[in-house]
Amino acid sequence: MELPDPWENLLTDFQKLLILRCIRPDKIIPAVQQFVTDKMGPTYIDPPTFDLQHSYMGSTSNTPLIFVLSSGADPLALLMKFAEEKDMGGINLQTISLGQGQGPIARKMIEKAAEEGTWVVLQNCHLATSWLTELEHICEEVITDPEKTKSSFRLWLTSYPSQDFPVSVLQYGIKMTNEPPKGLRANLLKSYLSDPICNPTFFNGCNKPKVGFFYCVSAFNKLISV
């Protein structure tokens, strides 16, 4: 609602935010979002669709890729699908969930994968606090050896935010988070930009491919225009 005269025309948009903060503090978040949208554009309030390919392209064999976990989002299925696309599925992708007694197994797995040029996924690093010092040593000295580590090797880590996680690994690693979409628009965008809707096999297996394709494209165009 507009402010009563003459304040609607006298005050700047930011000053109106200050008044709203005093009168209706529960509405300040959507008001700030609208302010940012008006001044800078919707790009700064709409989180981009998670792009694992972009993160992978910025990595090297001695750069760990770290998934910062959030409630309701599990990146493992997405990572396994991505590994298949990169011909790193099956025996070329080894996963282990860290916990008591899993540290030595994980180290041997990393050393072997580094020599063979395959991928390793260490899940739930926050559960192995006593072994994180060893992980830091592996990231700083083991996988950085160009004579023992092939260029196709990748070390993937998943962890909830933890004060025990090595700071040095966070500093030179590539950090990612895949939060569950919030709201109807974000959920639909994720559906339209991921399998099975954008999978050619999905359309080719449809009894009415032209109708199905036309419906999806029309719905998507309406969605992004909102």
C-alpha atoms as a PDB file:
ATOM      1  CA  MET A   1       0.000   0.000   0.000  1.00  0.00           C
ATOM      2  CA  GLU A   2       1.110   3.531  -0.663  1.00  0.00           C
ATOM      3  CA  LEU A   3       1.974   5.795   2.232  1.00  0.00           C
ATOM      4  CA  PRO A   4      -0.506   8.574   3.036  1.00  0.00           C
ATOM      5  CA  ASP A   5       0.066  11.958   1.419  1.00  0.00           C
ATOM      6  CA  PRO A   6       2.443  13.660   1.270  1.00  0.00           C
ATOM      7  CA  TRP A   7       4.921  10.926   2.326  1.00  0.00           C
ATOM      8  CA  GLU A   8       4.486   8.711  -0.719  1.00  0.00           C
ATOM      9  CA  ASN A   9       5.972  11.390  -2.970  1.00  0.00           C
ATOM     10  CA  LEU A  10       8.382  12.995  -0.501  1.00  0.00           C
ATOM     11  CA  LEU A  11      10.291   9.924   0.656  1.00  0.00           C
ATOM     12  CA  THR A  12      12.787   7.866  -1.298  1.00  0.00           C
ATOM     13  CA  ASP A  13      12.351   4.117  -1.687  1.00  0.00           C
ATOM     14  CA  PHE A  14      14.973   3.450   0.959  1.00  0.00           C
ATOM     15  CA  GLN A  15      13.323   5.851   3.419  1.00  0.00           C
ATOM     16  CA  LYS A  16      10.065   3.988   2.859  1.00  0.00           C
ATOM     17  CA  LEU A  17      11.880   0.804   3.871  1.00  0.00           C
ATOM     18  CA  LEU A  18      12.900   2.464   7.135  1.00  0.00           C
ATOM     19  CA  ILE A  19       9.304   3.385   7.905  1.00  0.00           C
ATOM     20  CA  LEU A  20       8.138  -0.129   7.048  1.00  0.00           C
ATOM     21  CA  ARG A  21      10.812  -1.507   9.376  1.00  0.00           C
ATOM     22  CA  CYS A  22       9.280   0.475  12.241  1.00  0.00           C
ATOM     23  CA  ILE A  23       5.634  -0.259  11.460  1.00  0.00           C
ATOM     24  CA  ARG A  24       5.672  -3.774   9.983  1.00  0.00           C
ATOM     25  CA  PRO A  25       9.025  -5.487  10.641  1.00  0.00           C
ATOM     26  CA  ASP A  26       7.496  -8.805   9.530  1.00  0.00           C
ATOM     27  CA  LYS A  27       7.210  -7.415   5.971  1.00  0.00           C
ATOM     28  CA  ILE A  28      10.735  -6.072   5.675  1.00  0.00           C
ATOM     29  CA  ILE A  29      12.175  -9.139   3.892  1.00  0.00           C
ATOM     30  CA  PRO A  30       9.797  -9.103   0.908  1.00  0.00           C
ATOM     31  CA  ALA A  31      10.097  -5.299   0.826  1.00  0.00           C
ATOM     32  CA  VAL A  32      13.892  -5.499   0.603  1.00  0.00           C
ATOM     33  CA  GLN A  33      13.588  -8.121  -2.127  1.00  0.00           C
ATOM     34  CA  GLN A  34      11.338  -5.801  -4.078  1.00  0.00           C
ATOM     35  CA  PHE A  35      13.765  -2.919  -3.487  1.00  0.00           C
ATOM     36  CA  VAL A  36      16.681  -4.953  -4.845  1.00  0.00           C
ATOM     37  CA  THR A  37      14.599  -6.055  -7.824  1.00  0.00           C
ATOM     38  CA  ASP A  38      13.640  -2.471  -8.671  1.00  0.00           C
ATOM     39  CA  LYS A  39      17.161  -1.086  -8.311  1.00  0.00           C
ATOM     40  CA  MET A  40      19.362  -3.948  -9.558  1.00  0.00           C
ATOM     41  CA  GLY A  41      17.130  -6.517 -11.228  1.00  0.00           C
ATOM     42  CA  PRO A  42      15.636  -9.901 -10.271  1.00  0.00           C
ATOM     43  CA  THR A  43      18.943 -11.686 -10.895  1.00  0.00           C
ATOM     44  CA  TYR A  44      20.139 -10.733  -7.428  1.00  0.00           C
ATOM     45  CA  ILE A  45      17.249 -12.367  -5.561  1.00  0.00           C
ATOM     46  CA  ASP A  46      16.606 -15.422  -7.742  1.00  0.00           C
ATOM     47  CA  PRO A  47      19.182 -18.133  -6.987  1.00  0.00           C
ATOM     48  CA  PRO A  48      20.595 -19.648 -10.195  1.00  0.00           C
ATOM     49  CA  THR A  49      19.891 -23.260 -11.094  1.00  0.00           C
ATOM     50  CA  PHE A  50      22.587 -25.534  -9.694  1.00  0.00           C
ATOM     51  CA  ASP A  51      25.244 -26.091 -12.382  1.00  0.00           C
ATOM     52  CA  LEU A  52      27.566 -28.967 -11.543  1.00  0.00           C
ATOM     53  CA  GLN A  53      29.236 -28.760 -14.953  1.00  0.00           C
ATOM     54  CA  HIS A  54      30.378 -25.187 -14.278  1.00  0.00           C
ATOM     55  CA  SER A  55      31.949 -26.168 -10.944  1.00  0.00           C
ATOM     56  CA  TYR A  56      33.654 -29.176 -12.503  1.00  0.00           C
ATOM     57  CA  MET A  57      35.186 -27.108 -15.300  1.00  0.00           C
ATOM     58  CA  GLY A  58      36.840 -24.878 -12.715  1.00  0.00           C
ATOM     59  CA  SER A  59      38.469 -27.790 -10.889  1.00  0.00           C
ATOM     60  CA  THR A  60      41.684 -29.740 -11.320  1.00  0.00           C
ATOM     61  CA  SER A  61      42.969 -33.075 -10.069  1.00  0.00           C
ATOM     62  CA  ASN A  62      44.415 -31.442  -6.942  1.00  0.00           C
ATOM     63  CA  THR A  63      41.341 -29.323  -6.201  1.00  0.00           C
ATOM     64  CA  PRO A  64      38.751 -30.974  -3.940  1.00  0.00           C
ATOM     65  CA  LEU A  65      35.132 -30.262  -4.793  1.00  0.00           C
ATOM     66  CA  ILE A  66      33.114 -29.715  -1.617  1.00  0.00           C
ATOM     67  CA  PHE A  67      29.359 -30.066  -1.326  1.00  0.00           C
ATOM     68  CA  VAL A  68      28.103 -28.050   1.644  1.00  0.00           C
ATOM     69  CA  LEU A  69      25.019 -30.046   2.587  1.00  0.00           C
ATOM     70  CA  SER A  70      21.684 -28.530   3.516  1.00  0.00           C
ATOM     71  CA  SER A  71      18.534 -30.141   4.887  1.00  0.00           C
ATOM     72  CA  GLY A  72      16.391 -31.767   2.239  1.00  0.00           C
ATOM     73  CA  ALA A  73      19.033 -31.886  -0.503  1.00  0.00           C
ATOM     74  CA  ASP A  74      21.230 -34.876  -1.340  1.00  0.00           C
ATOM     75  CA  PRO A  75      23.738 -34.244  -4.155  1.00  0.00           C
ATOM     76  CA  LEU A  76      24.844 -37.877  -4.503  1.00  0.00           C
ATOM     77  CA  ALA A  77      22.242 -38.837  -7.131  1.00  0.00           C
ATOM     78  CA  LEU A  78      23.083 -35.722  -9.154  1.00  0.00           C
ATOM     79  CA  LEU A  79      26.794 -36.464  -8.873  1.00  0.00           C
ATOM     80  CA  MET A  80      26.385 -40.087  -9.996  1.00  0.00           C
ATOM     81  CA  LYS A  81      24.398 -38.962 -13.031  1.00  0.00           C
ATOM     82  CA  PHE A  82      27.068 -36.380 -13.840  1.00  0.00           C
ATOM     83  CA  ALA A  83      29.779 -39.052 -13.510  1.00  0.00           C
ATOM     84  CA  GLU A  84      27.955 -41.182 -16.079  1.00  0.00           C
ATOM     85  CA  GLU A  85      27.949 -38.256 -18.487  1.00  0.00           C
ATOM     86  CA  LYS A  86      31.720 -37.896 -18.017  1.00  0.00           C
ATOM     87  CA  ASP A  87      32.344 -41.650 -18.455  1.00  0.00           C
ATOM     88  CA  MET A  88      33.281 -41.877 -14.796  1.00  0.00           C
ATOM     89  CA  GLY A  89      30.412 -44.047 -13.631  1.00  0.00           C
ATOM     90  CA  GLY A  90      30.478 -47.627 -12.401  1.00  0.00           C
ATOM     91  CA  ILE A  91      33.890 -48.776 -11.226  1.00  0.00           C
ATOM     92  CA  ASN A  92      35.381 -45.355 -11.972  1.00  0.00           C
ATOM     93  CA  LEU A  93      33.372 -43.758  -9.159  1.00  0.00           C
ATOM     94  CA  GLN A  94      33.956 -44.954  -5.609  1.00  0.00           C
ATOM     95  CA  THR A  95      31.997 -43.672  -2.644  1.00  0.00           C
ATOM     96  CA  ILE A  96      32.432 -44.119   1.073  1.00  0.00           C
ATOM     97  CA  SER A  97      30.527 -42.684   4.007  1.00  0.00           C
ATOM     98  CA  LEU A  98      32.978 -41.528   6.641  1.00  0.00           C
ATOM     99  CA  GLY A  99      32.596 -42.549  10.244  1.00  0.00           C
ATOM    100  CA  GLN A 100      34.362 -44.577  12.859  1.00  0.00           C
ATOM    101  CA  GLY A 101      37.088 -46.730  11.339  1.00  0.00           C
ATOM    102  CA  GLN A 102      36.535 -45.565   7.751  1.00  0.00           C
ATOM    103  CA  GLY A 103      39.498 -43.181   7.584  1.00  0.00           C
ATOM    104  CA  PRO A 104      42.236 -45.681   6.579  1.00  0.00           C
ATOM    105  CA  ILE A 105      39.919 -47.210   3.967  1.00  0.00           C
ATOM    106  CA  ALA A 106      39.214 -43.776   2.532  1.00  0.00           C
ATOM    107  CA  ARG A 107      42.926 -42.948   2.301  1.00  0.00           C
ATOM    108  CA  LYS A 108      43.714 -46.144   0.376  1.00  0.00           C
ATOM    109  CA  MET A 109      40.769 -45.456  -1.891  1.00  0.00           C
ATOM    110  CA  ILE A 110      42.045 -41.940  -2.658  1.00  0.00           C
ATOM    111  CA  GLU A 111      45.608 -43.088  -3.325  1.00  0.00           C
ATOM    112  CA  LYS A 112      44.426 -45.794  -5.712  1.00  0.00           C
ATOM    113  CA  ALA A 113      42.013 -43.481  -7.522  1.00  0.00           C
ATOM    114  CA  ALA A 114      44.716 -40.814  -7.900  1.00  0.00           C
ATOM    115  CA  GLU A 115      47.007 -43.317  -9.608  1.00  0.00           C
ATOM    116  CA  GLU A 116      44.238 -44.636 -11.868  1.00  0.00           C
ATOM    117  CA  GLY A 117      42.650 -41.258 -12.606  1.00  0.00           C
ATOM    118  CA  THR A 118      39.186 -42.115 -11.280  1.00  0.00           C
ATOM    119  CA  TRP A 119      36.815 -40.297  -8.897  1.00  0.00           C
ATOM    120  CA  VAL A 120      36.299 -40.655  -5.154  1.00  0.00           C
ATOM    121  CA  VAL A 121      33.378 -39.355  -3.094  1.00  0.00           C
ATOM    122  CA  LEU A 122      33.828 -38.978   0.669  1.00  0.00           C
ATOM    123  CA  GLN A 123      30.399 -38.519   2.207  1.00  0.00           C
ATOM    124  CA  ASN A 124      29.583 -36.932   5.558  1.00  0.00           C
ATOM    125  CA  CYS A 125      33.031 -35.598   6.370  1.00  0.00           C
ATOM    126  CA  HIS A 126      31.553 -33.852   9.422  1.00  0.00           C
ATOM    127  CA  LEU A 127      31.128 -37.266  11.079  1.00  0.00           C
ATOM    128  CA  ALA A 128      34.867 -38.007  10.989  1.00  0.00           C
ATOM    129  CA  THR A 129      36.225 -35.088  12.978  1.00  0.00           C
ATOM    130  CA  SER A 130      39.232 -37.044  14.244  1.00  0.00           C
ATOM    131  CA  TRP A 131      40.256 -37.926  10.673  1.00  0.00           C
ATOM    132  CA  LEU A 132      39.899 -34.459   9.153  1.00  0.00           C
ATOM    133  CA  THR A 133      43.532 -33.656   9.946  1.00  0.00           C
ATOM    134  CA  GLU A 134      44.520 -36.630   7.814  1.00  0.00           C
ATOM    135  CA  LEU A 135      42.209 -35.391   5.067  1.00  0.00           C
ATOM    136  CA  GLU A 136      43.964 -32.025   5.164  1.00  0.00           C
ATOM    137  CA  HIS A 137      47.319 -33.770   4.724  1.00  0.00           C
ATOM    138  CA  ILE A 138      45.953 -35.767   1.776  1.00  0.00           C
ATOM    139  CA  CYS A 139      44.667 -32.642   0.042  1.00  0.00           C
ATOM    140  CA  GLU A 140      47.891 -30.714   0.590  1.00  0.00           C
ATOM    141  CA  GLU A 141      50.515 -33.365  -0.184  1.00  0.00           C
ATOM    142  CA  VAL A 142      49.108 -36.586  -1.642  1.00  0.00           C
ATOM    143  CA  ILE A 143      46.823 -35.500  -4.483  1.00  0.00           C
ATOM    144  CA  THR A 144      49.016 -32.513  -5.381  1.00  0.00           C
ATOM    145  CA  ASP A 145      51.880 -34.774  -6.490  1.00  0.00           C
ATOM    146  CA  PRO A 146      51.809 -34.580 -10.317  1.00  0.00           C
ATOM    147  CA  GLU A 147      53.844 -37.775 -10.632  1.00  0.00           C
ATOM    148  CA  LYS A 148      51.276 -39.867  -8.761  1.00  0.00           C
ATOM    149  CA  THR A 149      47.990 -38.115  -9.556  1.00  0.00           C
ATOM    150  CA  LYS A 150      46.448 -38.282 -13.028  1.00  0.00           C
ATOM    151  CA  SER A 151      44.684 -35.259 -14.416  1.00  0.00           C
ATOM    152  CA  SER A 152      41.313 -37.050 -14.597  1.00  0.00           C
ATOM    153  CA  PHE A 153      41.251 -37.709 -10.839  1.00  0.00           C
ATOM    154  CA  ARG A 154      38.691 -35.813  -8.779  1.00  0.00           C
ATOM    155  CA  LEU A 155      38.058 -35.801  -5.036  1.00  0.00           C
ATOM    156  CA  TRP A 156      34.468 -34.985  -4.050  1.00  0.00           C
ATOM    157  CA  LEU A 157      33.569 -34.204  -0.439  1.00  0.00           C
ATOM    158  CA  THR A 158      30.190 -33.775   1.235  1.00  0.00           C
ATOM    159  CA  SER A 159      29.796 -32.239   4.656  1.00  0.00           C
ATOM    160  CA  TYR A 160      27.371 -30.288   6.764  1.00  0.00           C
ATOM    161  CA  PRO A 161      28.798 -27.001   8.084  1.00  0.00           C
ATOM    162  CA  SER A 162      31.299 -27.890  10.796  1.00  0.00           C
ATOM    163  CA  GLN A 163      33.853 -25.931  12.806  1.00  0.00           C
ATOM    164  CA  ASP A 164      36.194 -28.927  12.604  1.00  0.00           C
ATOM    165  CA  PHE A 165      36.403 -28.940   8.814  1.00  0.00           C
ATOM    166  CA  PRO A 166      39.943 -27.958   7.702  1.00  0.00           C
ATOM    167  CA  VAL A 167      40.086 -24.296   6.768  1.00  0.00           C
ATOM    168  CA  SER A 168      42.876 -24.837   4.235  1.00  0.00           C
ATOM    169  CA  VAL A 169      40.771 -27.374   2.320  1.00  0.00           C
ATOM    170  CA  LEU A 170      37.901 -24.893   2.197  1.00  0.00           C
ATOM    171  CA  GLN A 171      40.188 -22.115   0.976  1.00  0.00           C
ATOM    172  CA  TYR A 172      41.549 -23.816  -2.136  1.00  0.00           C
ATOM    173  CA  GLY A 173      38.645 -26.198  -2.727  1.00  0.00           C
ATOM    174  CA  ILE A 174      35.595 -25.479  -4.870  1.00  0.00           C
ATOM    175  CA  LYS A 175      32.563 -25.055  -2.634  1.00  0.00           C
ATOM    176  CA  MET A 176      29.038 -25.843  -3.797  1.00  0.00           C
ATOM    177  CA  THR A 177      25.633 -26.059  -2.189  1.00  0.00           C
ATOM    178  CA  ASN A 178      22.448 -27.437  -3.679  1.00  0.00           C
ATOM    179  CA  GLU A 179      19.608 -26.178  -1.542  1.00  0.00           C
ATOM    180  CA  PRO A 180      16.109 -27.502  -2.190  1.00  0.00           C
ATOM    181  CA  PRO A 181      14.057 -25.079  -4.302  1.00  0.00           C
ATOM    182  CA  LYS A 182      11.774 -22.753  -2.385  1.00  0.00           C
ATOM    183  CA  GLY A 183       8.412 -21.849  -3.824  1.00  0.00           C
ATOM    184  CA  LEU A 184       6.374 -23.040  -6.778  1.00  0.00           C
ATOM    185  CA  ARG A 185       8.377 -21.160  -9.410  1.00  0.00           C
ATOM    186  CA  ALA A 186      11.734 -22.533  -8.220  1.00  0.00           C
ATOM    187  CA  ASN A 187      10.373 -26.082  -8.082  1.00  0.00           C
ATOM    188  CA  LEU A 188       8.978 -25.872 -11.603  1.00  0.00           C
ATOM    189  CA  LEU A 189      12.186 -24.405 -12.978  1.00  0.00           C
ATOM    190  CA  LYS A 190      14.170 -27.240 -11.456  1.00  0.00           C
ATOM    191  CA  SER A 191      11.761 -29.760 -12.983  1.00  0.00           C
ATOM    192  CA  TYR A 192      11.880 -28.218 -16.452  1.00  0.00           C
ATOM    193  CA  LEU A 193      15.661 -27.885 -16.450  1.00  0.00           C
ATOM    194  CA  SER A 194      16.392 -31.410 -15.225  1.00  0.00           C
ATOM    195  CA  ASP A 195      15.437 -34.997 -15.974  1.00  0.00           C
ATOM    196  CA  PRO A 196      13.135 -36.425 -17.027  1.00  0.00           C
ATOM    197  CA  ILE A 197      11.333 -33.482 -18.606  1.00  0.00           C
ATOM    198  CA  CYS A 198      14.273 -32.247 -20.680  1.00  0.00           C
ATOM    199  CA  ASN A 199      15.510 -35.754 -21.467  1.00  0.00           C
ATOM    200  CA  PRO A 200      15.103 -36.627 -25.184  1.00  0.00           C
ATOM    201  CA  THR A 201      14.356 -40.228 -24.202  1.00  0.00           C
ATOM    202  CA  PHE A 202      11.385 -38.967 -22.221  1.00  0.00           C
ATOM    203  CA  PHE A 203       9.897 -37.261 -25.283  1.00  0.00           C
ATOM    204  CA  ASN A 204      10.714 -40.055 -27.712  1.00  0.00           C
ATOM    205  CA  GLY A 205       8.926 -42.525 -25.481  1.00  0.00           C
ATOM    206  CA  CYS A 206       5.743 -40.458 -25.384  1.00  0.00           C
ATOM    207  CA  ASN A 207       2.717 -41.638 -27.397  1.00  0.00           C
ATOM    208  CA  LYS A 208       1.961 -38.022 -28.347  1.00  0.00           C
ATOM    209  CA  PRO A 209       5.405 -36.398 -28.556  1.00  0.00           C
ATOM    210  CA  LYS A 210       4.298 -33.270 -30.440  1.00  0.00           C
ATOM    211  CA  VAL A 211       1.501 -32.491 -28.000  1.00  0.00           C
ATOM    212  CA  GLY A 212       3.699 -33.217 -24.975  1.00  0.00           C
ATOM    213  CA  PHE A 213       6.558 -31.115 -26.274  1.00  0.00           C
ATOM    214  CA  PHE A 214       4.258 -28.207 -27.167  1.00  0.00           C
ATOM    215  CA  TYR A 215       2.695 -28.299 -23.701  1.00  0.00           C
ATOM    216  CA  CYS A 216       6.055 -28.280 -21.903  1.00  0.00           C
ATOM    217  CA  VAL A 217       7.497 -25.474 -24.025  1.00  0.00           C
ATOM    218  CA  SER A 218       4.370 -23.356 -23.626  1.00  0.00           C
ATOM    219  CA  ALA A 219       4.300 -23.894 -19.869  1.00  0.00           C
ATOM    220  CA  PHE A 220       8.005 -23.099 -19.572  1.00  0.00           C
ATOM    221  CA  ASN A 221       7.670 -19.883 -21.582  1.00  0.00           C
ATOM    222  CA  LYS A 222       4.809 -18.760 -19.364  1.00  0.00           C
ATOM    223  CA  LEU A 223       6.837 -19.653 -16.291  1.00  0.00           C
ATOM    224  CA  ILE A 224       9.931 -17.647 -17.154  1.00  0.00           C
ATOM    225  CA  SER A 225       7.827 -14.658 -18.121  1.00  0.00           C
ATOM    226  CA  VAL A 226       6.353 -14.412 -14.594  1.00  0.00           C
END
